[in-house]
Amino acid sequence: ALNKVLVPGTMRSLVQMNLVRSTEVKDGKAKINLASTAIPAQYHSWLKDKAAAAVSELSGVQEVTVDLVEAKPKELNQIEKIVAVMSGKGGVGKSLVAGLLATAFAREGKDVGILDADITGSSIPKMFGLDARPSGSETGILPILSRAGIEIMSMNLLLPSEDEAVIWRGPLMSKAITQFWEEVLWGKLDYLVIDLPPGTGDAPLTVFQVIPISGVIDVFTPQELTEMIVKKAIKMAQKMNVRVLGVVENMSYLVLPDTGKKMEIFGRSKGEEMAKASGTPLLGQLPIDPELARLCDQGEIERYSSDAVSELFTNVIAVLNGKREG
């Protein structure tokens, strides 16, 4: 019954957001405790009434009492697996891979979130066509939901305009990432995908230290300096005792529309070489696709699908479930 009551400011239920703290039914009397975390005060009475009305419809229930209790978001968040997407350098399509992976999880009916830890270069909201500001209260922040129901939190959602520059030093960025993890009410999720900033500096270091990551994926492009860059990123993860799930080669090739022939625009593919050099599986090779670029520009990445993305998703799931070495 409580799973039918939606939390104000999001299209997820009290159960999905893990706000139901306790339920007790005795002699026809039901007593329910709900966490008021991240819910603005003006909705408190409304929420109590909605919950009471939903439970009172159950047979055998004559009286319903609903109380609100306080709890911190990090006490309520239940996330099964956390996958971080990183790269040794910028411009290789790390955010793209994070967005495609989250979309693939959502298509399988999973509850998914994206934590955009790329504070100074946020591109996730643009890809998903989001410009609404997150709501919440002094007790927490509610993420914004995409069209497919993916929970998203990004610095760009908090700025006055999407092209506003975030000119911060490392400690401030680290604090923001920590807040996105500890003060955002993610609720119950099957997967949380973290879009890391490029390189091996303060921000990715904070993620590795603060967040219990299930595994990291390294994204690269087929260029000569790739091996050195990939190794740097992977060695950072290994030094932090974070499991490396595998590598993904983006912009691997272009399929010529007239002939269907694959053209390696940025040079010969280095996917297998990078997998061997890093000692991890090659999870996928994504092509240059004008259709994908168009959909991202229009904020409709969730409409994109391809065999290459399906293969990437299948391989990531296999590694996470221990069916493939990673």
Protein backbone atom coordinates (compact mmCIF):
# COMPACT_ATOMS: atom_id res chain seq x y z
CA ALA A 1 0.00 0.00 0.00
CA LEU A 2 2.81 2.42 0.88
CA ASN A 3 4.54 1.59 -2.40
CA LYS A 4 1.68 3.44 -4.14
CA VAL A 5 2.37 6.70 -2.28
CA LEU A 6 4.76 8.90 -4.29
CA VAL A 7 7.27 11.19 -2.60
CA PRO A 8 6.69 14.88 -3.42
CA GLY A 9 9.33 16.16 -5.83
CA THR A 10 10.01 12.72 -7.31
CA MET A 11 8.04 10.00 -9.07
CA ARG A 12 9.35 7.29 -6.75
CA SER A 13 7.41 5.83 -3.85
CA LEU A 14 7.95 5.88 -0.10
CA VAL A 15 9.24 2.31 -0.32
CA GLN A 16 11.56 3.01 -3.28
CA MET A 17 13.05 6.00 -1.46
CA ASN A 18 13.38 3.83 1.68
CA LEU A 19 11.46 6.30 3.83
CA VAL A 20 9.39 3.62 5.60
CA ARG A 21 11.23 3.13 8.88
CA SER A 22 8.80 0.83 10.74
CA THR A 23 5.31 -0.63 10.52
CA GLU A 24 3.25 -2.28 13.23
CA VAL A 25 -0.26 -3.72 13.08
CA LYS A 26 -2.04 -4.87 16.23
CA ASP A 27 -5.74 -5.33 16.96
CA GLY A 28 -6.71 -3.51 13.76
CA LYS A 29 -4.50 -0.53 14.58
CA ALA A 30 -1.62 0.30 12.25
CA LYS A 31 1.30 2.43 13.36
CA ILE A 32 3.76 3.69 10.73
CA ASN A 33 6.96 5.67 11.09
CA LEU A 34 8.16 7.53 7.99
CA ALA A 35 11.41 9.44 7.60
CA SER A 36 10.83 13.07 6.60
CA THR A 37 14.30 13.29 5.03
CA ALA A 38 14.60 15.75 2.11
CA ILE A 39 10.85 16.44 2.09
CA PRO A 40 9.93 20.15 2.38
CA ALA A 41 7.93 20.96 5.53
CA GLN A 42 4.85 22.07 3.55
CA TYR A 43 4.38 18.48 2.33
CA HIS A 44 4.65 16.76 5.70
CA SER A 45 0.94 16.77 6.57
CA TRP A 46 -0.01 15.84 3.00
CA LEU A 47 2.36 12.88 3.06
CA LYS A 48 1.05 11.62 6.40
CA ASP A 49 -2.54 11.85 5.12
CA LYS A 50 -1.68 10.03 1.88
CA ALA A 51 0.09 7.22 3.72
CA ALA A 52 -2.75 6.88 6.23
CA ALA A 53 -5.37 6.80 3.47
CA ALA A 54 -3.47 4.10 1.54
CA VAL A 55 -3.08 1.85 4.59
CA SER A 56 -6.66 2.37 5.82
CA GLU A 57 -7.94 0.70 2.64
CA LEU A 58 -6.37 -2.59 3.69
CA SER A 59 -8.75 -5.17 5.12
CA GLY A 60 -8.54 -5.56 8.88
CA VAL A 61 -7.19 -2.06 9.47
CA GLN A 62 -9.55 0.19 11.45
CA GLU A 63 -7.17 2.89 12.61
CA VAL A 64 -3.92 4.32 11.21
CA THR A 65 -1.31 6.48 12.93
CA VAL A 66 1.53 7.97 10.89
CA ASP A 67 4.49 9.66 12.55
CA LEU A 68 7.47 11.37 10.93
CA VAL A 69 10.96 10.72 12.23
CA GLU A 70 14.31 12.25 11.36
CA ALA A 71 17.06 10.38 9.53
CA LYS A 72 20.11 11.32 7.48
CA PRO A 73 20.11 10.45 3.77
CA LYS A 74 23.19 8.23 4.09
CA GLU A 75 21.31 6.18 6.71
CA LEU A 76 18.48 5.57 4.25
CA ASN A 77 20.39 4.96 1.02
CA GLN A 78 20.55 1.29 0.01
CA ILE A 79 22.58 0.77 -3.16
CA GLU A 80 23.41 -2.72 -4.40
CA LYS A 81 26.27 -1.93 -6.80
CA ILE A 82 28.25 1.24 -7.50
CA VAL A 83 30.11 1.50 -10.81
CA ALA A 84 32.53 4.39 -11.42
CA VAL A 85 33.52 5.43 -14.96
CA MET A 86 36.91 7.10 -15.23
CA SER A 87 39.50 8.16 -17.80
CA GLY A 88 43.12 9.22 -17.67
CA LYS A 89 42.40 12.26 -19.86
CA GLY A 90 39.44 14.38 -20.88
CA GLY A 91 37.46 14.25 -24.11
CA VAL A 92 37.36 10.47 -24.50
CA GLY A 93 33.63 10.01 -23.88
CA LYS A 94 33.63 9.01 -20.22
CA SER A 95 30.34 10.78 -19.48
CA LEU A 96 28.85 9.24 -22.62
CA VAL A 97 29.72 5.74 -21.43
CA ALA A 98 28.30 6.51 -17.97
CA GLY A 99 25.04 7.75 -19.52
CA LEU A 100 24.71 4.79 -21.90
CA LEU A 101 25.43 2.31 -19.12
CA ALA A 102 22.83 3.85 -16.78
CA THR A 103 20.27 3.84 -19.61
CA ALA A 104 20.98 0.17 -20.32
CA PHE A 105 20.46 -0.71 -16.64
CA ALA A 106 17.16 1.22 -16.61
CA ARG A 107 15.92 -0.60 -19.72
CA GLU A 108 16.30 -3.86 -17.82
CA GLY A 109 13.87 -2.55 -15.20
CA LYS A 110 16.55 -1.73 -12.64
CA ASP A 111 16.44 1.25 -10.29
CA VAL A 112 19.40 3.42 -11.35
CA GLY A 113 21.07 6.67 -10.36
CA ILE A 114 23.90 8.78 -11.78
CA LEU A 115 26.18 10.75 -9.47
CA ASP A 116 27.96 13.30 -11.67
CA ALA A 117 31.26 13.81 -9.87
CA ASP A 118 32.71 15.83 -12.75
CA ILE A 119 32.04 19.07 -10.89
CA THR A 120 33.71 21.50 -13.32
CA GLY A 121 32.76 19.68 -16.53
CA SER A 122 29.22 18.41 -15.94
CA SER A 123 27.61 17.12 -19.13
CA ILE A 124 25.19 14.49 -17.82
CA PRO A 125 22.18 16.87 -17.42
CA LYS A 126 22.59 18.08 -21.03
CA MET A 127 22.63 14.50 -22.37
CA PHE A 128 19.42 13.67 -20.48
CA GLY A 129 17.66 16.97 -21.28
CA LEU A 130 17.42 18.10 -17.64
CA ASP A 131 17.30 21.71 -16.46
CA ALA A 132 15.09 21.52 -13.34
CA ARG A 133 16.60 22.37 -9.98
CA PRO A 134 16.65 19.65 -7.31
CA SER A 135 14.20 20.06 -4.42
CA GLY A 136 14.64 19.09 -0.81
CA SER A 137 14.95 20.48 2.69
CA GLU A 138 17.58 21.14 5.35
CA THR A 139 17.68 17.38 5.95
CA GLY A 140 18.59 16.34 2.40
CA ILE A 141 18.37 16.79 -1.36
CA LEU A 142 16.16 14.90 -3.82
CA PRO A 143 17.77 13.96 -7.14
CA ILE A 144 16.13 14.88 -10.45
CA LEU A 145 14.49 12.06 -12.41
CA SER A 146 15.12 11.57 -16.12
CA ARG A 147 12.37 10.57 -18.54
CA ALA A 148 13.19 6.90 -17.97
CA GLY A 149 13.22 7.33 -14.19
CA ILE A 150 17.00 7.52 -13.66
CA GLU A 151 17.90 9.55 -10.56
CA ILE A 152 20.49 12.21 -11.41
CA MET A 153 22.49 14.62 -9.26
CA SER A 154 24.91 17.02 -10.91
CA MET A 155 26.49 20.37 -10.14
CA ASN A 156 25.00 21.76 -13.37
CA LEU A 157 21.52 21.25 -11.91
CA LEU A 158 22.40 23.62 -9.07
CA LEU A 159 23.89 26.44 -11.17
CA PRO A 160 21.96 29.55 -12.31
CA SER A 161 22.64 28.53 -15.93
CA GLU A 162 24.23 25.46 -17.51
CA ASP A 163 27.15 27.45 -18.95
CA GLU A 164 28.11 28.98 -15.59
CA ALA A 165 31.73 28.17 -14.77
CA VAL A 166 32.60 26.38 -11.53
CA ILE A 167 35.97 27.87 -10.56
CA TRP A 168 36.89 25.89 -7.47
CA ARG A 169 40.01 24.45 -5.92
CA GLY A 170 40.28 20.74 -5.14
CA PRO A 171 39.00 20.77 -1.53
CA LEU A 172 35.73 22.47 -2.54
CA MET A 173 35.15 19.95 -5.33
CA SER A 174 35.86 17.10 -2.92
CA LYS A 175 33.33 18.54 -0.45
CA ALA A 176 30.66 18.77 -3.17
CA ILE A 177 31.22 15.14 -4.19
CA THR A 178 30.97 14.04 -0.55
CA GLN A 179 27.70 15.97 -0.21
CA PHE A 180 26.30 14.33 -3.36
CA TRP A 181 26.99 10.98 -1.72
CA GLU A 182 25.98 11.68 1.88
CA GLU A 183 23.29 14.38 1.62
CA VAL A 184 21.33 13.26 -1.46
CA LEU A 185 18.43 10.88 -0.81
CA TRP A 186 19.07 8.14 -3.40
CA GLY A 187 16.81 5.63 -1.65
CA LYS A 188 16.91 2.02 -2.85
CA LEU A 189 18.91 1.54 -6.05
CA ASP A 190 20.15 -1.51 -7.91
CA TYR A 191 22.94 0.50 -9.53
CA LEU A 192 24.57 3.88 -9.00
CA VAL A 193 26.83 5.00 -11.86
CA ILE A 194 29.45 7.62 -10.96
CA ASP A 195 30.82 9.85 -13.70
CA LEU A 196 34.32 10.73 -12.50
CA PRO A 197 36.31 13.74 -13.68
CA PRO A 198 39.32 12.89 -15.88
CA GLY A 199 42.77 12.32 -14.42
CA THR A 200 44.01 11.16 -11.04
CA GLY A 201 43.53 14.26 -8.88
CA ASP A 202 41.52 15.29 -5.83
CA ALA A 203 38.03 14.51 -7.15
CA PRO A 204 38.54 10.86 -8.17
CA LEU A 205 40.65 10.36 -5.04
CA THR A 206 37.71 11.56 -2.91
CA VAL A 207 35.32 9.16 -4.65
CA PHE A 208 37.64 6.21 -4.07
CA GLN A 209 38.10 7.13 -0.40
CA VAL A 210 34.51 8.06 0.52
CA ILE A 211 32.28 5.82 -1.62
CA PRO A 212 32.22 1.98 -1.47
CA ILE A 213 32.72 1.35 -5.18
CA SER A 214 31.95 -2.10 -6.61
CA GLY A 215 34.22 -1.52 -9.59
CA VAL A 216 35.63 1.02 -12.01
CA ILE A 217 35.57 1.14 -15.83
CA ASP A 218 38.35 2.94 -17.72
CA VAL A 219 37.45 4.68 -21.00
CA PHE A 220 40.00 5.53 -23.70
CA THR A 221 40.28 6.30 -27.43
CA PRO A 222 42.54 4.65 -30.04
CA GLN A 223 45.48 7.06 -30.05
CA GLU A 224 49.21 6.57 -29.58
CA LEU A 225 49.44 8.08 -26.07
CA THR A 226 46.58 5.90 -24.88
CA GLU A 227 48.55 3.14 -23.16
CA MET A 228 50.39 5.48 -20.80
CA ILE A 229 47.18 7.34 -19.87
CA VAL A 230 45.15 4.18 -19.35
CA LYS A 231 47.84 2.65 -17.15
CA LYS A 232 47.96 5.78 -14.96
CA ALA A 233 44.22 5.64 -14.29
CA ILE A 234 44.19 1.90 -13.66
CA LYS A 235 47.20 2.07 -11.33
CA MET A 236 45.43 4.75 -9.32
CA ALA A 237 42.39 2.51 -8.87
CA GLN A 238 44.58 -0.46 -7.94
CA LYS A 239 46.55 1.57 -5.38
CA MET A 240 43.24 2.58 -3.81
CA ASN A 241 42.19 -1.11 -3.70
CA VAL A 242 39.31 -0.48 -6.10
CA ARG A 243 38.42 -3.32 -8.44
CA VAL A 244 38.94 -2.55 -12.15
CA LEU A 245 36.08 -4.14 -14.09
CA GLY A 246 37.62 -3.54 -17.51
CA VAL A 247 38.32 -1.04 -20.28
CA VAL A 248 36.11 0.50 -22.97
CA GLU A 249 37.41 1.87 -26.26
CA ASN A 250 35.28 4.80 -27.45
CA MET A 251 35.35 6.32 -30.97
CA SER A 252 36.83 2.99 -32.05
CA TYR A 253 35.59 3.20 -35.64
CA LEU A 254 33.05 4.77 -38.00
CA VAL A 255 30.64 2.64 -40.02
CA LEU A 256 30.41 4.02 -43.55
CA PRO A 257 26.69 4.32 -44.38
CA ASP A 258 27.02 3.32 -48.04
CA THR A 259 29.15 0.21 -47.66
CA GLY A 260 28.87 -0.76 -43.99
CA LYS A 261 32.66 -0.87 -43.86
CA LYS A 262 34.39 0.09 -40.60
CA MET A 263 36.85 2.97 -40.87
CA GLU A 264 39.30 3.48 -37.99
CA ILE A 265 39.48 7.28 -38.08
CA PHE A 266 41.76 7.73 -35.06
CA GLY A 267 44.09 4.94 -36.02
CA ARG A 268 44.20 1.20 -35.47
CA SER A 269 42.12 -0.08 -32.57
CA LYS A 270 44.07 -0.58 -29.37
CA GLY A 271 41.29 -2.29 -27.46
CA GLU A 272 42.90 -5.71 -27.10
CA GLU A 273 46.30 -4.13 -26.38
CA MET A 274 44.87 -1.98 -23.59
CA ALA A 275 43.03 -4.91 -22.08
CA LYS A 276 46.25 -6.92 -22.06
CA ALA A 277 48.34 -4.00 -20.75
CA SER A 278 45.89 -3.36 -17.91
CA GLY A 279 45.25 -7.01 -17.15
CA THR A 280 41.48 -6.47 -17.40
CA PRO A 281 38.77 -7.43 -19.93
CA LEU A 282 37.88 -5.34 -22.98
CA LEU A 283 34.24 -4.62 -22.14
CA GLY A 284 33.31 -2.93 -25.39
CA GLN A 285 34.27 -0.89 -28.45
CA LEU A 286 31.91 1.96 -29.22
CA PRO A 287 31.81 3.50 -32.71
CA ILE A 288 31.55 7.12 -33.75
CA ASP A 289 27.81 7.42 -34.40
CA PRO A 290 26.30 10.72 -35.68
CA GLU A 291 22.88 9.56 -34.40
CA LEU A 292 24.22 9.24 -30.86
CA ALA A 293 25.79 12.70 -31.08
CA ARG A 294 22.48 14.14 -32.29
CA LEU A 295 20.47 12.53 -29.49
CA CYS A 296 22.94 13.73 -26.83
CA ASP A 297 22.74 17.28 -28.19
CA GLN A 298 18.94 17.07 -27.99
CA GLY A 299 19.01 15.65 -24.45
CA GLU A 300 17.60 12.31 -25.56
CA ILE A 301 20.41 9.83 -24.89
CA GLU A 302 17.83 7.45 -23.43
CA ARG A 303 16.41 6.85 -26.91
CA TYR A 304 19.69 5.48 -28.25
CA SER A 305 20.40 1.78 -28.68
CA SER A 306 22.93 -0.22 -30.67
CA ASP A 307 24.55 -3.64 -30.77
CA ALA A 308 27.79 -2.13 -29.43
CA VAL A 309 26.03 -0.71 -26.36
CA SER A 310 24.17 -4.00 -25.79
CA GLU A 311 27.50 -5.87 -25.87
CA LEU A 312 29.03 -3.39 -23.41
CA PHE A 313 26.08 -3.81 -21.04
CA THR A 314 26.20 -7.62 -21.23
CA ASN A 315 29.92 -7.67 -20.49
CA VAL A 316 29.64 -5.25 -17.56
CA ILE A 317 26.86 -7.34 -16.00
CA ALA A 318 28.92 -10.52 -16.47
CA VAL A 319 31.96 -8.98 -14.75
CA LEU A 320 29.90 -7.55 -11.88
CA ASN A 321 28.29 -10.95 -11.31
CA GLY A 322 31.65 -12.73 -11.40
CA LYS A 323 30.95 -14.60 -14.65
CA ARG A 324 33.94 -13.01 -16.34
CA GLU A 325 37.30 -12.01 -14.91
CA GLY A 326 37.65 -8.38 -13.95
